[in-house]
Every structure is written in C-alpha cells, then in structure tokens.
Amino acid sequence: MKNPNDGYLRGRLRSLKYAFKGFYILITTEDSIKAQLFFALIATILGFYFNISDTEWCLQFIVIGLVLVAEAANTAIEELADFVHPEYHIKIGLVKDIAAGIPTFAALISLIVAGFIYLPKILLLF
C-alpha cells in the first residue's frame, strides 16, 4: 500500500521490495513457475551445447520471459478469483480457464521459437 509520507525514492524502493517479495513467492511456492524455470535451464544448457547465435539467445530469453510472465499473471488471476469467490462458480471457473490460456499461448510460442532455433541444429546431427 502506498504510504503518503514516502518521497519518490523511498516509494520506488518500497515497490522494489514488494516486487522481489512477489518474485520469491512465485519461485518458491508455484509448481508451474518451478517447472518453467526447469525448462528454461534446459533451454539454456542446449543453447550452450549448440552454440546458438546472439540473436537466438535474445529470442530464447524473450520467450522464456514471456512464459514466466504469463505463468505469473495466471497465478495472480487465479489467486484473486479464489479470493473473490472461494467456492465453485461457473463464471469464476470461466475466468480461471481463460487465465490458464495465457501461459498456454506463451508456451506454444516458445515451442515454435525453440523449433526454429534447435530443429536445424538437431537435424544436422543425423
């Protein structure tokens, strides 16, 4: 919550503290984030193994970030939906299903990018 006595710098530092708190909560409690971080680690190892170009590194990290942001947004929406209406409700279920589609889009895009980066390199091995 914003403190009216905070100056600009103190307010930004407080915001940064909350941002890192949220980051820590996500990486320590959310299984979907943990899974995506594992896949990001695998993609990073593959990047070193196949010696991908700087452009490919940039694209890879952009889609990794896209997936992690999408997972975080999905988690936030689901937590809010559960808070607003803890018991089952058809509309809350719809909201949560749509929210689950956010990381699905991101994951599909990341798989397409990974295909463009790694399929030619894997095919050269055979």
N, C-alpha and C. Protein backbone atom coordinates (compact mmCIF):
# COMPACT_ATOMS: atom_id res chain seq x y z
N MET A 1 0.84 -1.17 0.00
CA MET A 1 0.00 0.00 0.00
C MET A 1 0.89 1.24 0.00
N LYS A 2 0.47 2.23 -0.72
CA LYS A 2 1.25 3.45 -0.83
C LYS A 2 1.18 4.25 0.47
N ASN A 3 2.35 4.66 0.93
CA ASN A 3 2.44 5.49 2.13
C ASN A 3 2.54 6.95 1.69
N PRO A 4 1.59 7.81 2.09
CA PRO A 4 1.63 9.21 1.64
C PRO A 4 2.84 9.98 2.15
N ASN A 5 3.53 9.47 3.17
CA ASN A 5 4.71 10.15 3.71
C ASN A 5 5.98 9.80 2.95
N ASP A 6 5.90 8.79 2.07
CA ASP A 6 7.08 8.39 1.31
C ASP A 6 7.38 9.39 0.20
N GLY A 7 8.64 9.71 0.04
CA GLY A 7 9.06 10.51 -1.10
C GLY A 7 9.17 9.60 -2.31
N TYR A 8 9.61 10.16 -3.42
CA TYR A 8 9.69 9.40 -4.67
C TYR A 8 10.64 8.21 -4.53
N LEU A 9 11.85 8.46 -4.06
CA LEU A 9 12.86 7.39 -3.97
C LEU A 9 12.43 6.31 -2.99
N ARG A 10 11.96 6.70 -1.83
CA ARG A 10 11.52 5.71 -0.84
C ARG A 10 10.34 4.89 -1.39
N GLY A 11 9.44 5.52 -2.11
CA GLY A 11 8.32 4.81 -2.72
C GLY A 11 8.79 3.79 -3.75
N ARG A 12 9.79 4.16 -4.55
CA ARG A 12 10.33 3.21 -5.54
C ARG A 12 11.03 2.04 -4.87
N LEU A 13 11.78 2.34 -3.81
CA LEU A 13 12.45 1.26 -3.07
C LEU A 13 11.45 0.32 -2.42
N ARG A 14 10.37 0.88 -1.89
CA ARG A 14 9.33 0.05 -1.30
C ARG A 14 8.69 -0.83 -2.38
N SER A 15 8.43 -0.25 -3.55
CA SER A 15 7.86 -1.02 -4.66
C SER A 15 8.80 -2.15 -5.08
N LEU A 16 10.08 -1.86 -5.10
CA LEU A 16 11.07 -2.88 -5.46
C LEU A 16 11.07 -4.01 -4.44
N LYS A 17 10.93 -3.65 -3.17
CA LYS A 17 10.87 -4.66 -2.11
C LYS A 17 9.67 -5.58 -2.33
N TYR A 18 8.51 -5.02 -2.65
CA TYR A 18 7.32 -5.83 -2.90
C TYR A 18 7.48 -6.68 -4.15
N ALA A 19 8.14 -6.13 -5.15
CA ALA A 19 8.37 -6.88 -6.40
C ALA A 19 9.23 -8.11 -6.13
N PHE A 20 10.30 -7.94 -5.37
CA PHE A 20 11.16 -9.08 -5.05
C PHE A 20 10.46 -10.08 -4.13
N LYS A 21 9.58 -9.58 -3.26
CA LYS A 21 8.80 -10.47 -2.42
C LYS A 21 7.89 -11.35 -3.29
N GLY A 22 7.23 -10.73 -4.26
CA GLY A 22 6.38 -11.49 -5.18
C GLY A 22 7.17 -12.48 -6.00
N PHE A 23 8.34 -12.07 -6.46
CA PHE A 23 9.24 -12.95 -7.22
C PHE A 23 9.61 -14.16 -6.37
N TYR A 24 9.98 -13.92 -5.12
CA TYR A 24 10.37 -15.01 -4.21
C TYR A 24 9.19 -15.95 -3.96
N ILE A 25 8.01 -15.39 -3.74
CA ILE A 25 6.82 -16.22 -3.52
C ILE A 25 6.57 -17.11 -4.74
N LEU A 26 6.66 -16.53 -5.92
CA LEU A 26 6.42 -17.30 -7.15
C LEU A 26 7.40 -18.46 -7.29
N ILE A 27 8.70 -18.17 -7.13
CA ILE A 27 9.68 -19.23 -7.40
C ILE A 27 9.77 -20.26 -6.28
N THR A 28 9.23 -19.96 -5.12
CA THR A 28 9.31 -20.93 -4.02
C THR A 28 8.00 -21.69 -3.79
N THR A 29 6.88 -21.18 -4.29
CA THR A 29 5.60 -21.83 -3.98
C THR A 29 4.84 -22.34 -5.20
N GLU A 30 5.11 -21.81 -6.37
CA GLU A 30 4.30 -22.15 -7.54
C GLU A 30 4.98 -23.23 -8.38
N ASP A 31 4.33 -24.40 -8.45
CA ASP A 31 4.89 -25.51 -9.21
C ASP A 31 5.04 -25.19 -10.70
N SER A 32 4.09 -24.43 -11.25
CA SER A 32 4.17 -24.10 -12.68
C SER A 32 5.40 -23.23 -12.97
N ILE A 33 5.72 -22.32 -12.07
CA ILE A 33 6.91 -21.47 -12.24
C ILE A 33 8.17 -22.33 -12.10
N LYS A 34 8.18 -23.22 -11.12
CA LYS A 34 9.33 -24.12 -10.94
C LYS A 34 9.55 -24.96 -12.19
N ALA A 35 8.47 -25.48 -12.76
CA ALA A 35 8.59 -26.29 -13.98
C ALA A 35 9.13 -25.46 -15.13
N GLN A 36 8.62 -24.24 -15.28
CA GLN A 36 9.09 -23.39 -16.38
C GLN A 36 10.54 -22.97 -16.17
N LEU A 37 10.95 -22.76 -14.94
CA LEU A 37 12.37 -22.45 -14.67
C LEU A 37 13.25 -23.65 -15.01
N PHE A 38 12.76 -24.86 -14.76
CA PHE A 38 13.50 -26.06 -15.15
C PHE A 38 13.66 -26.13 -16.67
N PHE A 39 12.56 -25.86 -17.41
CA PHE A 39 12.65 -25.87 -18.87
C PHE A 39 13.56 -24.75 -19.37
N ALA A 40 13.55 -23.62 -18.69
CA ALA A 40 14.46 -22.52 -19.06
C ALA A 40 15.91 -22.94 -18.87
N LEU A 41 16.18 -23.67 -17.79
CA LEU A 41 17.54 -24.17 -17.55
C LEU A 41 17.95 -25.15 -18.66
N ILE A 42 17.06 -26.04 -19.04
CA ILE A 42 17.35 -26.99 -20.12
C ILE A 42 17.62 -26.24 -21.43
N ALA A 43 16.79 -25.24 -21.73
CA ALA A 43 16.99 -24.46 -22.96
C ALA A 43 18.32 -23.72 -22.91
N THR A 44 18.70 -23.22 -21.75
CA THR A 44 19.98 -22.52 -21.62
C THR A 44 21.15 -23.48 -21.83
N ILE A 45 21.06 -24.66 -21.25
CA ILE A 45 22.10 -25.67 -21.45
C ILE A 45 22.19 -26.04 -22.94
N LEU A 46 21.04 -26.23 -23.57
CA LEU A 46 21.03 -26.54 -25.02
C LEU A 46 21.65 -25.40 -25.82
N GLY A 47 21.38 -24.18 -25.40
CA GLY A 47 21.96 -23.03 -26.09
C GLY A 47 23.47 -23.06 -26.06
N PHE A 48 24.04 -23.40 -24.92
CA PHE A 48 25.50 -23.52 -24.84
C PHE A 48 26.00 -24.72 -25.64
N TYR A 49 25.28 -25.83 -25.56
CA TYR A 49 25.69 -27.04 -26.27
C TYR A 49 25.73 -26.82 -27.78
N PHE A 50 24.68 -26.18 -28.30
CA PHE A 50 24.59 -25.96 -29.74
C PHE A 50 25.21 -24.64 -30.19
N ASN A 51 25.77 -23.89 -29.24
CA ASN A 51 26.44 -22.63 -29.55
C ASN A 51 25.55 -21.71 -30.40
N ILE A 52 24.37 -21.41 -29.88
CA ILE A 52 23.43 -20.60 -30.64
C ILE A 52 23.94 -19.16 -30.76
N SER A 53 23.44 -18.46 -31.76
CA SER A 53 23.90 -17.10 -32.06
C SER A 53 23.34 -16.11 -31.02
N ASP A 54 23.89 -14.91 -31.05
CA ASP A 54 23.40 -13.85 -30.14
C ASP A 54 21.92 -13.57 -30.37
N THR A 55 21.50 -13.55 -31.61
CA THR A 55 20.09 -13.32 -31.93
C THR A 55 19.23 -14.45 -31.38
N GLU A 56 19.70 -15.67 -31.52
CA GLU A 56 18.96 -16.81 -30.99
C GLU A 56 18.88 -16.76 -29.46
N TRP A 57 19.98 -16.34 -28.82
CA TRP A 57 19.95 -16.16 -27.36
C TRP A 57 18.89 -15.14 -26.97
N CYS A 58 18.87 -14.02 -27.70
CA CYS A 58 17.89 -12.98 -27.39
C CYS A 58 16.47 -13.51 -27.53
N LEU A 59 16.20 -14.20 -28.63
CA LEU A 59 14.86 -14.75 -28.84
C LEU A 59 14.52 -15.77 -27.76
N GLN A 60 15.48 -16.59 -27.43
CA GLN A 60 15.24 -17.62 -26.40
C GLN A 60 14.90 -16.98 -25.06
N PHE A 61 15.65 -15.96 -24.65
CA PHE A 61 15.38 -15.33 -23.36
C PHE A 61 14.10 -14.51 -23.38
N ILE A 62 13.75 -13.96 -24.53
CA ILE A 62 12.47 -13.25 -24.64
C ILE A 62 11.31 -14.22 -24.42
N VAL A 63 11.36 -15.39 -25.07
CA VAL A 63 10.24 -16.32 -24.89
C VAL A 63 10.25 -16.96 -23.50
N ILE A 64 11.43 -17.16 -22.92
CA ILE A 64 11.48 -17.64 -21.52
C ILE A 64 10.79 -16.61 -20.62
N GLY A 65 11.13 -15.36 -20.79
CA GLY A 65 10.48 -14.29 -20.02
C GLY A 65 8.99 -14.23 -20.27
N LEU A 66 8.59 -14.38 -21.53
CA LEU A 66 7.17 -14.37 -21.89
C LEU A 66 6.42 -15.47 -21.14
N VAL A 67 6.97 -16.67 -21.12
CA VAL A 67 6.32 -17.79 -20.43
C VAL A 67 6.25 -17.54 -18.92
N LEU A 68 7.34 -17.07 -18.33
CA LEU A 68 7.34 -16.81 -16.88
C LEU A 68 6.36 -15.70 -16.51
N VAL A 69 6.30 -14.65 -17.31
CA VAL A 69 5.35 -13.57 -17.05
C VAL A 69 3.91 -14.08 -17.19
N ALA A 70 3.67 -14.91 -18.20
CA ALA A 70 2.34 -15.46 -18.40
C ALA A 70 1.94 -16.36 -17.23
N GLU A 71 2.87 -17.18 -16.75
CA GLU A 71 2.59 -18.04 -15.60
C GLU A 71 2.30 -17.19 -14.36
N ALA A 72 3.05 -16.13 -14.17
CA ALA A 72 2.84 -15.25 -13.02
C ALA A 72 1.47 -14.57 -13.11
N ALA A 73 1.11 -14.10 -14.30
CA ALA A 73 -0.20 -13.46 -14.49
C ALA A 73 -1.33 -14.46 -14.21
N ASN A 74 -1.17 -15.67 -14.71
CA ASN A 74 -2.17 -16.71 -14.47
C ASN A 74 -2.32 -16.98 -12.97
N THR A 75 -1.21 -17.08 -12.28
CA THR A 75 -1.25 -17.32 -10.84
C THR A 75 -1.97 -16.18 -10.11
N ALA A 76 -1.65 -14.95 -10.47
CA ALA A 76 -2.28 -13.80 -9.82
C ALA A 76 -3.79 -13.78 -10.06
N ILE A 77 -4.19 -14.05 -11.30
CA ILE A 77 -5.62 -14.05 -11.63
C ILE A 77 -6.33 -15.17 -10.86
N GLU A 78 -5.74 -16.35 -10.81
CA GLU A 78 -6.37 -17.46 -10.11
C GLU A 78 -6.46 -17.19 -8.60
N GLU A 79 -5.42 -16.61 -8.02
CA GLU A 79 -5.46 -16.27 -6.59
C GLU A 79 -6.57 -15.25 -6.31
N LEU A 80 -6.68 -14.26 -7.17
CA LEU A 80 -7.72 -13.24 -6.99
C LEU A 80 -9.10 -13.86 -7.15
N ALA A 81 -9.27 -14.71 -8.15
CA ALA A 81 -10.56 -15.36 -8.37
C ALA A 81 -10.95 -16.22 -7.17
N ASP A 82 -9.99 -16.96 -6.62
CA ASP A 82 -10.27 -17.79 -5.45
C ASP A 82 -10.61 -16.93 -4.23
N PHE A 83 -9.99 -15.76 -4.12
CA PHE A 83 -10.28 -14.87 -3.00
C PHE A 83 -11.69 -14.27 -3.13
N VAL A 84 -12.04 -13.85 -4.34
CA VAL A 84 -13.33 -13.21 -4.58
C VAL A 84 -14.48 -14.20 -4.40
N HIS A 85 -14.26 -15.42 -4.89
CA HIS A 85 -15.34 -16.42 -4.83
C HIS A 85 -14.73 -17.78 -4.53
N PRO A 86 -14.49 -18.10 -3.23
CA PRO A 86 -13.78 -19.33 -2.87
C PRO A 86 -14.46 -20.62 -3.31
N GLU A 87 -15.79 -20.65 -3.27
CA GLU A 87 -16.46 -21.86 -3.70
C GLU A 87 -16.66 -21.85 -5.22
N TYR A 88 -16.98 -23.02 -5.76
CA TYR A 88 -17.12 -23.14 -7.21
C TYR A 88 -18.23 -22.23 -7.73
N HIS A 89 -17.92 -21.54 -8.80
CA HIS A 89 -18.91 -20.73 -9.51
C HIS A 89 -18.56 -20.81 -10.99
N ILE A 90 -19.57 -20.96 -11.83
CA ILE A 90 -19.34 -21.17 -13.25
C ILE A 90 -18.57 -20.00 -13.89
N LYS A 91 -18.87 -18.78 -13.49
CA LYS A 91 -18.17 -17.62 -14.06
C LYS A 91 -16.72 -17.55 -13.59
N ILE A 92 -16.47 -17.86 -12.32
CA ILE A 92 -15.09 -17.89 -11.81
C ILE A 92 -14.32 -18.99 -12.52
N GLY A 93 -14.97 -20.13 -12.74
CA GLY A 93 -14.34 -21.22 -13.49
C GLY A 93 -13.95 -20.77 -14.89
N LEU A 94 -14.83 -20.01 -15.54
CA LEU A 94 -14.53 -19.48 -16.88
C LEU A 94 -13.34 -18.54 -16.84
N VAL A 95 -13.32 -17.65 -15.86
CA VAL A 95 -12.20 -16.71 -15.71
C VAL A 95 -10.90 -17.48 -15.53
N LYS A 96 -10.92 -18.50 -14.68
CA LYS A 96 -9.71 -19.28 -14.42
C LYS A 96 -9.27 -20.08 -15.65
N ASP A 97 -10.23 -20.58 -16.41
CA ASP A 97 -9.88 -21.29 -17.64
C ASP A 97 -9.24 -20.35 -18.66
N ILE A 98 -9.81 -19.17 -18.79
CA ILE A 98 -9.24 -18.19 -19.71
C ILE A 98 -7.84 -17.78 -19.25
N ALA A 99 -7.69 -17.58 -17.93
CA ALA A 99 -6.38 -17.22 -17.39
C ALA A 99 -5.36 -18.32 -17.67
N ALA A 100 -5.78 -19.58 -17.60
CA ALA A 100 -4.88 -20.69 -17.88
C ALA A 100 -4.45 -20.70 -19.35
N GLY A 101 -5.25 -20.09 -20.20
CA GLY A 101 -4.89 -19.99 -21.61
C GLY A 101 -3.73 -19.04 -21.86
N ILE A 102 -3.49 -18.10 -20.95
CA ILE A 102 -2.41 -17.13 -21.13
C ILE A 102 -1.05 -17.84 -21.22
N PRO A 103 -0.67 -18.66 -20.23
CA PRO A 103 0.62 -19.34 -20.37
C PRO A 103 0.63 -20.40 -21.47
N THR A 104 -0.55 -20.90 -21.83
CA THR A 104 -0.61 -21.86 -22.93
C THR A 104 -0.20 -21.19 -24.23
N PHE A 105 -0.71 -19.99 -24.50
CA PHE A 105 -0.28 -19.24 -25.68
C PHE A 105 1.23 -19.01 -25.65
N ALA A 106 1.71 -18.57 -24.50
CA ALA A 106 3.15 -18.27 -24.37
C ALA A 106 3.99 -19.53 -24.59
N ALA A 107 3.55 -20.65 -24.03
CA ALA A 107 4.30 -21.89 -24.18
C ALA A 107 4.32 -22.35 -25.64
N LEU A 108 3.20 -22.21 -26.32
CA LEU A 108 3.16 -22.59 -27.74
C LEU A 108 4.11 -21.72 -28.57
N ILE A 109 4.10 -20.42 -28.29
CA ILE A 109 5.02 -19.52 -28.99
C ILE A 109 6.46 -19.91 -28.70
N SER A 110 6.75 -20.25 -27.43
CA SER A 110 8.12 -20.63 -27.08
C SER A 110 8.53 -21.91 -27.79
N LEU A 111 7.61 -22.85 -27.95
CA LEU A 111 7.94 -24.08 -28.67
C LEU A 111 8.21 -23.82 -30.14
N ILE A 112 7.48 -22.90 -30.72
CA ILE A 112 7.72 -22.53 -32.13
C ILE A 112 9.10 -21.92 -32.27
N VAL A 113 9.44 -20.98 -31.38
CA VAL A 113 10.76 -20.34 -31.42
C VAL A 113 11.85 -21.39 -31.20
N ALA A 114 11.64 -22.28 -30.23
CA ALA A 114 12.62 -23.35 -29.98
C ALA A 114 12.79 -24.23 -31.22
N GLY A 115 11.70 -24.49 -31.91
CA GLY A 115 11.78 -25.27 -33.15
C GLY A 115 12.64 -24.59 -34.19
N PHE A 116 12.44 -23.29 -34.37
CA PHE A 116 13.25 -22.55 -35.34
C PHE A 116 14.73 -22.54 -34.95
N ILE A 117 15.00 -22.48 -33.66
CA ILE A 117 16.40 -22.42 -33.21
C ILE A 117 17.05 -23.80 -33.25
N TYR A 118 16.37 -24.81 -32.71
CA TYR A 118 17.04 -26.09 -32.46
C TYR A 118 16.82 -27.18 -33.51
N LEU A 119 15.69 -27.18 -34.21
CA LEU A 119 15.47 -28.25 -35.18
C LEU A 119 16.55 -28.31 -36.26
N PRO A 120 16.95 -27.18 -36.86
CA PRO A 120 18.04 -27.29 -37.86
C PRO A 120 19.33 -27.83 -37.27
N LYS A 121 19.62 -27.48 -36.04
CA LYS A 121 20.85 -27.94 -35.39
C LYS A 121 20.77 -29.44 -35.06
N ILE A 122 19.60 -29.88 -34.62
CA ILE A 122 19.42 -31.31 -34.31
C ILE A 122 19.45 -32.13 -35.58
N LEU A 123 18.84 -31.64 -36.65
CA LEU A 123 18.83 -32.38 -37.92
C LEU A 123 20.23 -32.53 -38.50
N LEU A 124 21.11 -31.58 -38.22
CA LEU A 124 22.50 -31.68 -38.68
C LEU A 124 23.27 -32.81 -38.00
N LEU A 125 22.78 -33.23 -36.84
CA LEU A 125 23.43 -34.31 -36.11
C LEU A 125 23.18 -35.67 -36.78
N PHE A 126 22.14 -35.76 -37.58
CA PHE A 126 21.78 -37.05 -38.19
C PHE A 126 22.21 -37.15 -39.61
